[in-house]
Amino acid sequence: MATNPEEIYQFMCGTLFSIQQQLLPKEESLWDVTVEVLQWLKQSGLLKERANGHIDQNGQHNLEITPLGQATYKGSVDLAYCNTVYKNLKKGLEGLILESCLHLLYLTMPYDMISQCIPNWMIYLKQYSCLSPGEQQVAALVGVPENFITKKASGQVIKKDVDSSTVCRLYLSLVLHALLKENNIWDVAEKFNLSRGFIQTLLNSTASFSSSVLHFCEVELKEYIKIQDSIYEVDSKAENGFAFSRLLDFKYSSSLQNTDPDHLIALMTEVIPKYSCLVFCPTKKNCENVAEMICKYLNSNCILS
């Protein structure tokens, strides 16, 4: 529909937004607003200039939506929170604790509820003390250590700053954690000294935001084909059904070449050891041989280095 600033501006001129130009300051036009917003979207990582893309007569690059932009659109996540959502989810995946649902509740806690949260520090400390060691580890992992809660409850001065939004999100997570364990909103309301209406609103908001996070995390899978050391992306729009993507950049020794004639290790080193990798083989014996070959390479190279 629109791929560069000029086309986006023309599109905006055909919307109701163009009628509101009269509300803009005299020194600012609809074009200025369009360019300013596009610049903000690029700075936020939601848009980017297309690599090797077409440049029009005004010297403007074609734009494309980044993976973060696609995730934000699919999840209907507020633009003010999209980078924070991604950062927190990425951090959560580095040490996700599934002993209970507390960590998942924290990750799906809506950000717009933070402003309505004023923790009662004595209740905070009491509920923290009731957590299992694994659940207490969740608090430490997200950045709310036990000594911080203890000092706040006792009225001591806190020298080390702790992010207030993180503290509030964990507190609200404890509210829902208690609700899931007790299934009685009256008891939970009394325990946290909160109104039942607030807890009901918190529950509904979290359920809605959980759906947004689910769609935010959906990954569009791409299929690739390896022909010798050339990687091709499957693309139905391409003339032959696939388009050249890249060459494998991996130097094989003579011994490794004999061990790995299909160059599986060259593919895997694009992913491991930072991420995990799943390999499918036609037979059980083939799986065992491939796994042994990969383990030998990892032990002698990635792990030792």
C-alpha atoms as a PDB file:
ATOM      1  CA  MET A   1       0.000   0.000   0.000  1.00  0.00           C
ATOM      2  CA  ALA A   2       2.765   2.442   0.953  1.00  0.00           C
ATOM      3  CA  THR A   3       6.506   1.788   1.119  1.00  0.00           C
ATOM      4  CA  ASN A   4       8.180   5.194   1.442  1.00  0.00           C
ATOM      5  CA  PRO A   5       7.489   8.491   3.268  1.00  0.00           C
ATOM      6  CA  GLU A   6       5.901  10.141   0.233  1.00  0.00           C
ATOM      7  CA  GLU A   7       3.438   7.280  -0.316  1.00  0.00           C
ATOM      8  CA  ILE A   8       2.639   7.153   3.403  1.00  0.00           C
ATOM      9  CA  TYR A   9       1.981  10.903   3.353  1.00  0.00           C
ATOM     10  CA  GLN A  10      -0.365  10.536   0.379  1.00  0.00           C
ATOM     11  CA  PHE A  11      -2.177   7.770   2.241  1.00  0.00           C
ATOM     12  CA  MET A  12      -2.530   9.964   5.342  1.00  0.00           C
ATOM     13  CA  CYS A  13      -3.998  12.734   3.183  1.00  0.00           C
ATOM     14  CA  GLY A  14      -6.850  10.373   2.326  1.00  0.00           C
ATOM     15  CA  THR A  15      -7.731   9.633   5.937  1.00  0.00           C
ATOM     16  CA  LEU A  16      -9.691  11.507   8.609  1.00  0.00           C
ATOM     17  CA  PHE A  17      -6.384  12.541  10.130  1.00  0.00           C
ATOM     18  CA  SER A  18      -5.852  15.005   7.270  1.00  0.00           C
ATOM     19  CA  ILE A  19      -9.026  16.837   8.257  1.00  0.00           C
ATOM     20  CA  GLN A  20      -7.458  17.574  11.640  1.00  0.00           C
ATOM     21  CA  GLN A  21      -4.573  19.541  10.079  1.00  0.00           C
ATOM     22  CA  GLN A  22      -6.245  22.708  11.287  1.00  0.00           C
ATOM     23  CA  LEU A  23      -5.527  21.599  14.858  1.00  0.00           C
ATOM     24  CA  LEU A  24      -1.790  21.539  14.184  1.00  0.00           C
ATOM     25  CA  PRO A  25       0.405  24.562  14.922  1.00  0.00           C
ATOM     26  CA  LYS A  26       0.785  26.890  11.929  1.00  0.00           C
ATOM     27  CA  GLU A  27       4.485  26.141  11.598  1.00  0.00           C
ATOM     28  CA  GLU A  28       3.825  22.378  11.454  1.00  0.00           C
ATOM     29  CA  SER A  29       2.239  20.536   8.529  1.00  0.00           C
ATOM     30  CA  LEU A  30       0.858  17.036   8.065  1.00  0.00           C
ATOM     31  CA  TRP A  31       4.033  16.180   6.154  1.00  0.00           C
ATOM     32  CA  ASP A  32       6.159  17.250   9.127  1.00  0.00           C
ATOM     33  CA  VAL A  33       4.087  15.081  11.465  1.00  0.00           C
ATOM     34  CA  THR A  34       4.333  12.098   9.107  1.00  0.00           C
ATOM     35  CA  VAL A  35       8.121  12.379   8.824  1.00  0.00           C
ATOM     36  CA  GLU A  36       8.472  12.880  12.584  1.00  0.00           C
ATOM     37  CA  VAL A  37       6.403   9.769  13.375  1.00  0.00           C
ATOM     38  CA  LEU A  38       8.264   7.646  10.822  1.00  0.00           C
ATOM     39  CA  GLN A  39      11.554   8.784  12.331  1.00  0.00           C
ATOM     40  CA  TRP A  40      10.316   7.817  15.797  1.00  0.00           C
ATOM     41  CA  LEU A  41       9.236   4.396  14.539  1.00  0.00           C
ATOM     42  CA  LYS A  42      12.697   3.833  13.044  1.00  0.00           C
ATOM     43  CA  GLN A  43      14.429   4.934  16.239  1.00  0.00           C
ATOM     44  CA  SER A  44      12.175   2.562  18.201  1.00  0.00           C
ATOM     45  CA  GLY A  45      13.195  -0.349  15.974  1.00  0.00           C
ATOM     46  CA  LEU A  46       9.724  -0.840  14.477  1.00  0.00           C
ATOM     47  CA  LEU A  47      10.645   0.336  10.972  1.00  0.00           C
ATOM     48  CA  LYS A  48      13.872   0.262   9.010  1.00  0.00           C
ATOM     49  CA  GLU A  49      15.135   1.311   5.617  1.00  0.00           C
ATOM     50  CA  ARG A  50      15.124  -1.605   3.242  1.00  0.00           C
ATOM     51  CA  ALA A  51      18.614  -2.896   2.493  1.00  0.00           C
ATOM     52  CA  ASN A  52      19.577  -2.302  -1.162  1.00  0.00           C
ATOM     53  CA  GLY A  53      16.113  -0.886  -1.587  1.00  0.00           C
ATOM     54  CA  HIS A  54      14.834   1.521  -4.198  1.00  0.00           C
ATOM     55  CA  ILE A  55      15.485   5.235  -3.656  1.00  0.00           C
ATOM     56  CA  ASP A  56      12.919   7.562  -5.200  1.00  0.00           C
ATOM     57  CA  GLN A  57      13.536  10.905  -6.890  1.00  0.00           C
ATOM     58  CA  ASN A  58      13.430  12.707  -3.531  1.00  0.00           C
ATOM     59  CA  GLY A  59      16.219  10.528  -2.168  1.00  0.00           C
ATOM     60  CA  GLN A  60      13.876   8.613   0.137  1.00  0.00           C
ATOM     61  CA  HIS A  61      14.480   4.964   0.927  1.00  0.00           C
ATOM     62  CA  ASN A  62      11.764   2.336   0.874  1.00  0.00           C
ATOM     63  CA  LEU A  63      10.766   1.252   4.362  1.00  0.00           C
ATOM     64  CA  GLU A  64       9.944  -2.153   5.780  1.00  0.00           C
ATOM     65  CA  ILE A  65       8.556  -3.381   9.083  1.00  0.00           C
ATOM     66  CA  THR A  66      11.072  -4.999  11.432  1.00  0.00           C
ATOM     67  CA  PRO A  67      10.343  -8.279  13.279  1.00  0.00           C
ATOM     68  CA  LEU A  68       9.694  -6.197  16.418  1.00  0.00           C
ATOM     69  CA  GLY A  69       7.244  -4.052  14.459  1.00  0.00           C
ATOM     70  CA  GLN A  70       5.424  -7.144  13.169  1.00  0.00           C
ATOM     71  CA  ALA A  71       5.257  -8.618  16.677  1.00  0.00           C
ATOM     72  CA  THR A  72       3.930  -5.338  18.078  1.00  0.00           C
ATOM     73  CA  TYR A  73       1.220  -5.186  15.404  1.00  0.00           C
ATOM     74  CA  LYS A  74       0.214  -8.844  15.767  1.00  0.00           C
ATOM     75  CA  GLY A  75       0.056  -8.580  19.552  1.00  0.00           C
ATOM     76  CA  SER A  76      -1.683  -5.180  19.540  1.00  0.00           C
ATOM     77  CA  VAL A  77       0.916  -4.044  22.069  1.00  0.00           C
ATOM     78  CA  ASP A  78       1.021  -0.372  23.021  1.00  0.00           C
ATOM     79  CA  LEU A  79       3.917   1.320  21.202  1.00  0.00           C
ATOM     80  CA  ALA A  80       5.011   2.872  24.484  1.00  0.00           C
ATOM     81  CA  TYR A  81       5.649  -0.597  25.941  1.00  0.00           C
ATOM     82  CA  CYS A  82       6.747  -2.701  22.954  1.00  0.00           C
ATOM     83  CA  ASN A  83      10.499  -2.401  23.571  1.00  0.00           C
ATOM     84  CA  THR A  84      10.032  -3.032  27.297  1.00  0.00           C
ATOM     85  CA  VAL A  85       7.889  -6.104  26.575  1.00  0.00           C
ATOM     86  CA  TYR A  86      10.551  -7.493  24.249  1.00  0.00           C
ATOM     87  CA  LYS A  87      13.377  -6.746  26.695  1.00  0.00           C
ATOM     88  CA  ASN A  88      11.575  -8.377  29.625  1.00  0.00           C
ATOM     89  CA  LEU A  89      10.545 -11.444  27.615  1.00  0.00           C
ATOM     90  CA  LYS A  90      14.090 -11.870  26.311  1.00  0.00           C
ATOM     91  CA  LYS A  91      15.489 -11.573  29.827  1.00  0.00           C
ATOM     92  CA  GLY A  92      12.852 -14.001  31.108  1.00  0.00           C
ATOM     93  CA  LEU A  93      13.817 -16.637  28.556  1.00  0.00           C
ATOM     94  CA  GLU A  94      17.400 -16.560  29.801  1.00  0.00           C
ATOM     95  CA  GLY A  95      16.294 -18.105  33.088  1.00  0.00           C
ATOM     96  CA  LEU A  96      12.600 -18.999  32.938  1.00  0.00           C
ATOM     97  CA  ILE A  97      11.522 -20.685  36.197  1.00  0.00           C
ATOM     98  CA  LEU A  98       8.566 -23.030  35.736  1.00  0.00           C
ATOM     99  CA  GLU A  99       8.371 -24.455  39.259  1.00  0.00           C
ATOM    100  CA  SER A 100       5.134 -22.486  39.559  1.00  0.00           C
ATOM    101  CA  CYS A 101       3.205 -19.985  37.466  1.00  0.00           C
ATOM    102  CA  LEU A 102       4.678 -16.951  39.280  1.00  0.00           C
ATOM    103  CA  HIS A 103       7.323 -16.148  36.653  1.00  0.00           C
ATOM    104  CA  LEU A 104       4.791 -16.467  33.818  1.00  0.00           C
ATOM    105  CA  LEU A 105       2.363 -14.229  35.710  1.00  0.00           C
ATOM    106  CA  TYR A 106       5.090 -11.617  36.056  1.00  0.00           C
ATOM    107  CA  LEU A 107       5.937 -11.719  32.342  1.00  0.00           C
ATOM    108  CA  THR A 108       2.271 -11.285  31.365  1.00  0.00           C
ATOM    109  CA  MET A 109       1.458  -8.598  33.934  1.00  0.00           C
ATOM    110  CA  PRO A 110      -0.038  -5.579  32.069  1.00  0.00           C
ATOM    111  CA  TYR A 111       2.073  -2.440  32.287  1.00  0.00           C
ATOM    112  CA  ASP A 112      -0.892  -0.089  32.500  1.00  0.00           C
ATOM    113  CA  MET A 113      -1.788  -1.541  35.930  1.00  0.00           C
ATOM    114  CA  ILE A 114       1.498  -0.373  37.467  1.00  0.00           C
ATOM    115  CA  SER A 115       0.272   3.166  38.099  1.00  0.00           C
ATOM    116  CA  GLN A 116      -2.611   1.782  40.193  1.00  0.00           C
ATOM    117  CA  CYS A 117      -0.319  -0.257  42.452  1.00  0.00           C
ATOM    118  CA  ILE A 118       0.872   1.011  45.839  1.00  0.00           C
ATOM    119  CA  PRO A 119       2.524  -1.936  47.626  1.00  0.00           C
ATOM    120  CA  ASN A 120       1.875  -2.540  51.314  1.00  0.00           C
ATOM    121  CA  TRP A 121       5.399  -3.466  52.379  1.00  0.00           C
ATOM    122  CA  MET A 122       4.429  -5.557  55.397  1.00  0.00           C
ATOM    123  CA  ILE A 123       2.053  -7.589  53.247  1.00  0.00           C
ATOM    124  CA  TYR A 124       4.736  -7.762  50.522  1.00  0.00           C
ATOM    125  CA  LEU A 125       7.252  -9.212  52.999  1.00  0.00           C
ATOM    126  CA  LYS A 126       4.734 -11.660  54.475  1.00  0.00           C
ATOM    127  CA  GLN A 127       3.718 -12.981  51.053  1.00  0.00           C
ATOM    128  CA  TYR A 128       7.343 -13.176  49.938  1.00  0.00           C
ATOM    129  CA  SER A 129       8.159 -15.262  53.024  1.00  0.00           C
ATOM    130  CA  CYS A 130       5.413 -17.731  52.049  1.00  0.00           C
ATOM    131  CA  LEU A 131       6.999 -18.407  48.651  1.00  0.00           C
ATOM    132  CA  SER A 132       8.994 -21.542  47.948  1.00  0.00           C
ATOM    133  CA  PRO A 133      12.771 -21.200  47.334  1.00  0.00           C
ATOM    134  CA  GLY A 134      12.173 -21.501  43.585  1.00  0.00           C
ATOM    135  CA  GLU A 135       9.528 -18.767  43.657  1.00  0.00           C
ATOM    136  CA  GLN A 136      11.800 -16.531  45.720  1.00  0.00           C
ATOM    137  CA  GLN A 137      14.401 -17.050  43.019  1.00  0.00           C
ATOM    138  CA  VAL A 138      11.919 -15.536  40.552  1.00  0.00           C
ATOM    139  CA  ALA A 139      11.868 -12.333  42.617  1.00  0.00           C
ATOM    140  CA  ALA A 140      15.661 -12.166  42.663  1.00  0.00           C
ATOM    141  CA  LEU A 141      15.831 -12.897  38.943  1.00  0.00           C
ATOM    142  CA  VAL A 142      13.505 -10.057  37.950  1.00  0.00           C
ATOM    143  CA  GLY A 143      15.378  -7.638  40.205  1.00  0.00           C
ATOM    144  CA  VAL A 144      13.559  -7.531  43.540  1.00  0.00           C
ATOM    145  CA  PRO A 145      15.911  -9.014  46.162  1.00  0.00           C
ATOM    146  CA  GLU A 146      14.709 -10.133  49.598  1.00  0.00           C
ATOM    147  CA  ASN A 147      16.781  -7.537  51.485  1.00  0.00           C
ATOM    148  CA  PHE A 148      15.080  -4.742  49.519  1.00  0.00           C
ATOM    149  CA  ILE A 149      11.605  -5.898  50.610  1.00  0.00           C
ATOM    150  CA  THR A 150      12.822  -6.401  54.204  1.00  0.00           C
ATOM    151  CA  LYS A 151      14.307  -2.906  54.417  1.00  0.00           C
ATOM    152  CA  LYS A 152      11.210  -1.287  52.908  1.00  0.00           C
ATOM    153  CA  ALA A 153       8.995  -3.155  55.374  1.00  0.00           C
ATOM    154  CA  SER A 154      11.144  -2.018  58.321  1.00  0.00           C
ATOM    155  CA  GLY A 155      11.345   1.572  57.083  1.00  0.00           C
ATOM    156  CA  GLN A 156      15.098   1.544  56.471  1.00  0.00           C
ATOM    157  CA  VAL A 157      16.834   3.741  53.915  1.00  0.00           C
ATOM    158  CA  ILE A 158      17.483   2.000  50.596  1.00  0.00           C
ATOM    159  CA  LYS A 159      20.826   2.931  49.051  1.00  0.00           C
ATOM    160  CA  LYS A 160      20.549   0.743  45.952  1.00  0.00           C
ATOM    161  CA  ASP A 161      17.822   1.775  43.535  1.00  0.00           C
ATOM    162  CA  VAL A 162      15.366  -0.895  42.420  1.00  0.00           C
ATOM    163  CA  ASP A 163      13.081  -0.293  39.441  1.00  0.00           C
ATOM    164  CA  SER A 164       9.701   0.713  40.876  1.00  0.00           C
ATOM    165  CA  SER A 165       7.747  -0.724  37.929  1.00  0.00           C
ATOM    166  CA  THR A 166       9.387  -4.117  38.470  1.00  0.00           C
ATOM    167  CA  VAL A 167       8.524  -3.986  42.180  1.00  0.00           C
ATOM    168  CA  CYS A 168       4.870  -3.204  41.398  1.00  0.00           C
ATOM    169  CA  ARG A 169       4.568  -5.859  38.697  1.00  0.00           C
ATOM    170  CA  LEU A 170       5.921  -8.510  41.049  1.00  0.00           C
ATOM    171  CA  TYR A 171       3.526  -7.369  43.801  1.00  0.00           C
ATOM    172  CA  LEU A 172       0.561  -7.642  41.430  1.00  0.00           C
ATOM    173  CA  SER A 173       1.861 -11.029  40.308  1.00  0.00           C
ATOM    174  CA  LEU A 174       1.764 -12.172  43.944  1.00  0.00           C
ATOM    175  CA  VAL A 175      -1.890 -11.082  44.114  1.00  0.00           C
ATOM    176  CA  LEU A 176      -2.857 -13.265  41.149  1.00  0.00           C
ATOM    177  CA  HIS A 177      -0.572 -16.056  42.346  1.00  0.00           C
ATOM    178  CA  ALA A 178      -2.510 -16.136  45.610  1.00  0.00           C
ATOM    179  CA  LEU A 179      -5.806 -16.013  43.711  1.00  0.00           C
ATOM    180  CA  LEU A 180      -4.845 -19.025  41.592  1.00  0.00           C
ATOM    181  CA  LYS A 181      -3.830 -20.974  44.680  1.00  0.00           C
ATOM    182  CA  GLU A 182      -6.868 -20.124  46.815  1.00  0.00           C
ATOM    183  CA  ASN A 183      -9.553 -19.561  44.154  1.00  0.00           C
ATOM    184  CA  ASN A 184     -11.360 -17.196  46.512  1.00  0.00           C
ATOM    185  CA  ILE A 185     -11.342 -13.534  45.612  1.00  0.00           C
ATOM    186  CA  TRP A 186     -12.740 -12.487  49.018  1.00  0.00           C
ATOM    187  CA  ASP A 187      -9.843 -14.092  50.924  1.00  0.00           C
ATOM    188  CA  VAL A 188      -7.238 -12.654  48.532  1.00  0.00           C
ATOM    189  CA  ALA A 189      -8.792  -9.177  48.757  1.00  0.00           C
ATOM    190  CA  GLU A 190      -8.612  -9.354  52.540  1.00  0.00           C
ATOM    191  CA  LYS A 191      -5.063 -10.742  52.533  1.00  0.00           C
ATOM    192  CA  PHE A 192      -3.708  -7.919  50.339  1.00  0.00           C
ATOM    193  CA  ASN A 193      -6.095  -5.248  51.649  1.00  0.00           C
ATOM    194  CA  LEU A 194      -7.412  -4.607  48.149  1.00  0.00           C
ATOM    195  CA  SER A 195     -10.934  -4.230  46.800  1.00  0.00           C
ATOM    196  CA  ARG A 196     -12.503  -7.164  44.995  1.00  0.00           C
ATOM    197  CA  GLY A 197     -13.203  -4.871  42.059  1.00  0.00           C
ATOM    198  CA  PHE A 198      -9.516  -4.039  41.686  1.00  0.00           C
ATOM    199  CA  ILE A 199      -8.532  -7.724  41.753  1.00  0.00           C
ATOM    200  CA  GLN A 200     -11.220  -8.538  39.178  1.00  0.00           C
ATOM    201  CA  THR A 201      -9.923  -5.735  36.940  1.00  0.00           C
ATOM    202  CA  LEU A 202      -6.359  -7.003  37.408  1.00  0.00           C
ATOM    203  CA  LEU A 203      -7.427 -10.531  36.464  1.00  0.00           C
ATOM    204  CA  ASN A 204      -9.260  -9.382  33.320  1.00  0.00           C
ATOM    205  CA  SER A 205      -6.421  -7.085  32.241  1.00  0.00           C
ATOM    206  CA  THR A 206      -3.833  -9.824  32.714  1.00  0.00           C
ATOM    207  CA  ALA A 207      -5.913 -12.300  30.707  1.00  0.00           C
ATOM    208  CA  SER A 208      -6.189  -9.772  27.876  1.00  0.00           C
ATOM    209  CA  PHE A 209      -2.492  -8.851  27.971  1.00  0.00           C
ATOM    210  CA  SER A 210      -1.536 -12.565  28.064  1.00  0.00           C
ATOM    211  CA  SER A 211      -3.291 -12.981  24.722  1.00  0.00           C
ATOM    212  CA  SER A 212      -1.335 -10.014  23.351  1.00  0.00           C
ATOM    213  CA  VAL A 213       1.957 -11.492  24.593  1.00  0.00           C
ATOM    214  CA  LEU A 214       1.061 -14.832  22.990  1.00  0.00           C
ATOM    215  CA  HIS A 215       0.601 -13.195  19.586  1.00  0.00           C
ATOM    216  CA  PHE A 216       3.635 -10.957  20.183  1.00  0.00           C
ATOM    217  CA  CYS A 217       5.794 -14.075  20.592  1.00  0.00           C
ATOM    218  CA  GLU A 218       4.542 -15.865  17.484  1.00  0.00           C
ATOM    219  CA  VAL A 219       7.452 -16.367  15.114  1.00  0.00           C
ATOM    220  CA  GLU A 220       6.992 -16.576  11.367  1.00  0.00           C
ATOM    221  CA  LEU A 221       9.063 -19.552  10.300  1.00  0.00           C
ATOM    222  CA  LYS A 222      11.166 -19.355   7.145  1.00  0.00           C
ATOM    223  CA  GLU A 223      12.218 -22.381   5.133  1.00  0.00           C
ATOM    224  CA  TYR A 224      15.686 -22.665   3.602  1.00  0.00           C
ATOM    225  CA  ILE A 225      17.358 -25.154   1.263  1.00  0.00           C
ATOM    226  CA  LYS A 226      21.077 -25.925   1.277  1.00  0.00           C
ATOM    227  CA  ILE A 227      22.736 -26.805  -2.025  1.00  0.00           C
ATOM    228  CA  GLN A 228      26.400 -27.495  -1.337  1.00  0.00           C
ATOM    229  CA  ASP A 229      27.514 -24.364   0.563  1.00  0.00           C
ATOM    230  CA  SER A 230      24.769 -22.106  -0.820  1.00  0.00           C
ATOM    231  CA  ILE A 231      21.654 -21.341   1.213  1.00  0.00           C
ATOM    232  CA  TYR A 232      18.407 -20.531  -0.579  1.00  0.00           C
ATOM    233  CA  GLU A 233      15.201 -19.198   0.991  1.00  0.00           C
ATOM    234  CA  VAL A 234      11.964 -20.819  -0.150  1.00  0.00           C
ATOM    235  CA  ASP A 235       9.964 -18.026  -1.777  1.00  0.00           C
ATOM    236  CA  SER A 236       6.805 -18.685  -3.780  1.00  0.00           C
ATOM    237  CA  LYS A 237       7.155 -15.276  -5.445  1.00  0.00           C
ATOM    238  CA  ALA A 238      10.596 -16.083  -6.855  1.00  0.00           C
ATOM    239  CA  GLU A 239      10.943 -17.381 -10.406  1.00  0.00           C
ATOM    240  CA  ASN A 240      12.263 -20.805  -9.374  1.00  0.00           C
ATOM    241  CA  GLY A 241      10.429 -21.016  -6.060  1.00  0.00           C
ATOM    242  CA  PHE A 242      13.460 -20.018  -3.982  1.00  0.00           C
ATOM    243  CA  ALA A 243      15.898 -17.121  -3.768  1.00  0.00           C
ATOM    244  CA  PHE A 244      19.599 -17.079  -2.912  1.00  0.00           C
ATOM    245  CA  SER A 245      20.228 -16.087   0.696  1.00  0.00           C
ATOM    246  CA  ARG A 246      23.898 -16.546   1.615  1.00  0.00           C
ATOM    247  CA  LEU A 247      26.997 -18.719   1.475  1.00  0.00           C
ATOM    248  CA  LEU A 248      28.132 -20.782   4.448  1.00  0.00           C
ATOM    249  CA  ASP A 249      31.185 -19.130   5.963  1.00  0.00           C
ATOM    250  CA  PHE A 250      32.966 -22.073   7.585  1.00  0.00           C
ATOM    251  CA  LYS A 251      36.389 -23.542   6.943  1.00  0.00           C
ATOM    252  CA  TYR A 252      36.559 -27.320   6.967  1.00  0.00           C
ATOM    253  CA  SER A 253      39.661 -29.314   7.787  1.00  0.00           C
ATOM    254  CA  SER A 254      40.287 -32.463   5.757  1.00  0.00           C
ATOM    255  CA  SER A 255      39.357 -34.706   8.696  1.00  0.00           C
ATOM    256  CA  LEU A 256      36.152 -32.790   9.453  1.00  0.00           C
ATOM    257  CA  GLN A 257      35.254 -32.830   5.761  1.00  0.00           C
ATOM    258  CA  ASN A 258      35.335 -36.626   5.817  1.00  0.00           C
ATOM    259  CA  THR A 259      33.347 -36.768   9.049  1.00  0.00           C
ATOM    260  CA  ASP A 260      30.732 -34.224   7.980  1.00  0.00           C
ATOM    261  CA  PRO A 261      30.296 -34.424   4.185  1.00  0.00           C
ATOM    262  CA  ASP A 262      26.842 -32.761   4.386  1.00  0.00           C
ATOM    263  CA  HIS A 263      28.311 -29.726   6.215  1.00  0.00           C
ATOM    264  CA  LEU A 264      25.787 -29.916   9.055  1.00  0.00           C
ATOM    265  CA  ILE A 265      28.254 -28.363  11.486  1.00  0.00           C
ATOM    266  CA  ALA A 266      28.627 -25.324   9.225  1.00  0.00           C
ATOM    267  CA  LEU A 267      24.877 -24.781   9.500  1.00  0.00           C
ATOM    268  CA  MET A 268      24.774 -25.339  13.237  1.00  0.00           C
ATOM    269  CA  THR A 269      27.581 -22.914  14.031  1.00  0.00           C
ATOM    270  CA  GLU A 270      25.290 -20.130  12.779  1.00  0.00           C
ATOM    271  CA  VAL A 271      23.085 -20.895  15.786  1.00  0.00           C
ATOM    272  CA  ILE A 272      25.033 -22.614  18.560  1.00  0.00           C
ATOM    273  CA  PRO A 273      26.223 -22.139  21.236  1.00  0.00           C
ATOM    274  CA  LYS A 274      24.090 -19.003  21.726  1.00  0.00           C
ATOM    275  CA  TYR A 275      20.849 -20.781  20.792  1.00  0.00           C
ATOM    276  CA  SER A 276      19.669 -24.359  20.664  1.00  0.00           C
ATOM    277  CA  CYS A 277      19.302 -26.338  17.470  1.00  0.00           C
ATOM    278  CA  LEU A 278      17.060 -29.268  16.492  1.00  0.00           C
ATOM    279  CA  VAL A 279      18.268 -31.783  13.886  1.00  0.00           C
ATOM    280  CA  PHE A 280      16.063 -34.442  12.271  1.00  0.00           C
ATOM    281  CA  CYS A 281      17.498 -37.639  10.818  1.00  0.00           C
ATOM    282  CA  PRO A 282      15.837 -40.433   8.786  1.00  0.00           C
ATOM    283  CA  THR A 283      16.860 -43.285  11.111  1.00  0.00           C
ATOM    284  CA  LYS A 284      17.739 -43.818  14.762  1.00  0.00           C
ATOM    285  CA  LYS A 285      21.261 -44.973  13.851  1.00  0.00           C
ATOM    286  CA  ASN A 286      21.781 -41.896  11.714  1.00  0.00           C
ATOM    287  CA  CYS A 287      20.635 -39.705  14.638  1.00  0.00           C
ATOM    288  CA  GLU A 288      23.140 -41.363  16.966  1.00  0.00           C
ATOM    289  CA  ASN A 289      26.011 -40.882  14.495  1.00  0.00           C
ATOM    290  CA  VAL A 290      25.146 -37.237  13.842  1.00  0.00           C
ATOM    291  CA  ALA A 291      24.760 -36.524  17.576  1.00  0.00           C
ATOM    292  CA  GLU A 292      28.159 -38.113  18.284  1.00  0.00           C
ATOM    293  CA  MET A 293      29.823 -36.090  15.527  1.00  0.00           C
ATOM    294  CA  ILE A 294      28.293 -32.838  16.795  1.00  0.00           C
ATOM    295  CA  CYS A 295      29.252 -33.554  20.422  1.00  0.00           C
ATOM    296  CA  LYS A 296      32.844 -34.233  19.448  1.00  0.00           C
ATOM    297  CA  TYR A 297      33.027 -30.935  17.563  1.00  0.00           C
ATOM    298  CA  LEU A 298      31.412 -28.972  20.403  1.00  0.00           C
ATOM    299  CA  ASN A 299      33.718 -30.491  23.020  1.00  0.00           C
ATOM    300  CA  SER A 300      36.840 -29.714  21.032  1.00  0.00           C
ATOM    301  CA  ASN A 301      35.845 -26.255  19.813  1.00  0.00           C
ATOM    302  CA  CYS A 302      32.846 -24.343  21.210  1.00  0.00           C
ATOM    303  CA  ILE A 303      32.991 -25.472  24.828  1.00  0.00           C
ATOM    304  CA  LEU A 304      36.754 -25.269  25.240  1.00  0.00           C
ATOM    305  CA  SER A 305      36.927 -21.859  23.577  1.00  0.00           C
END
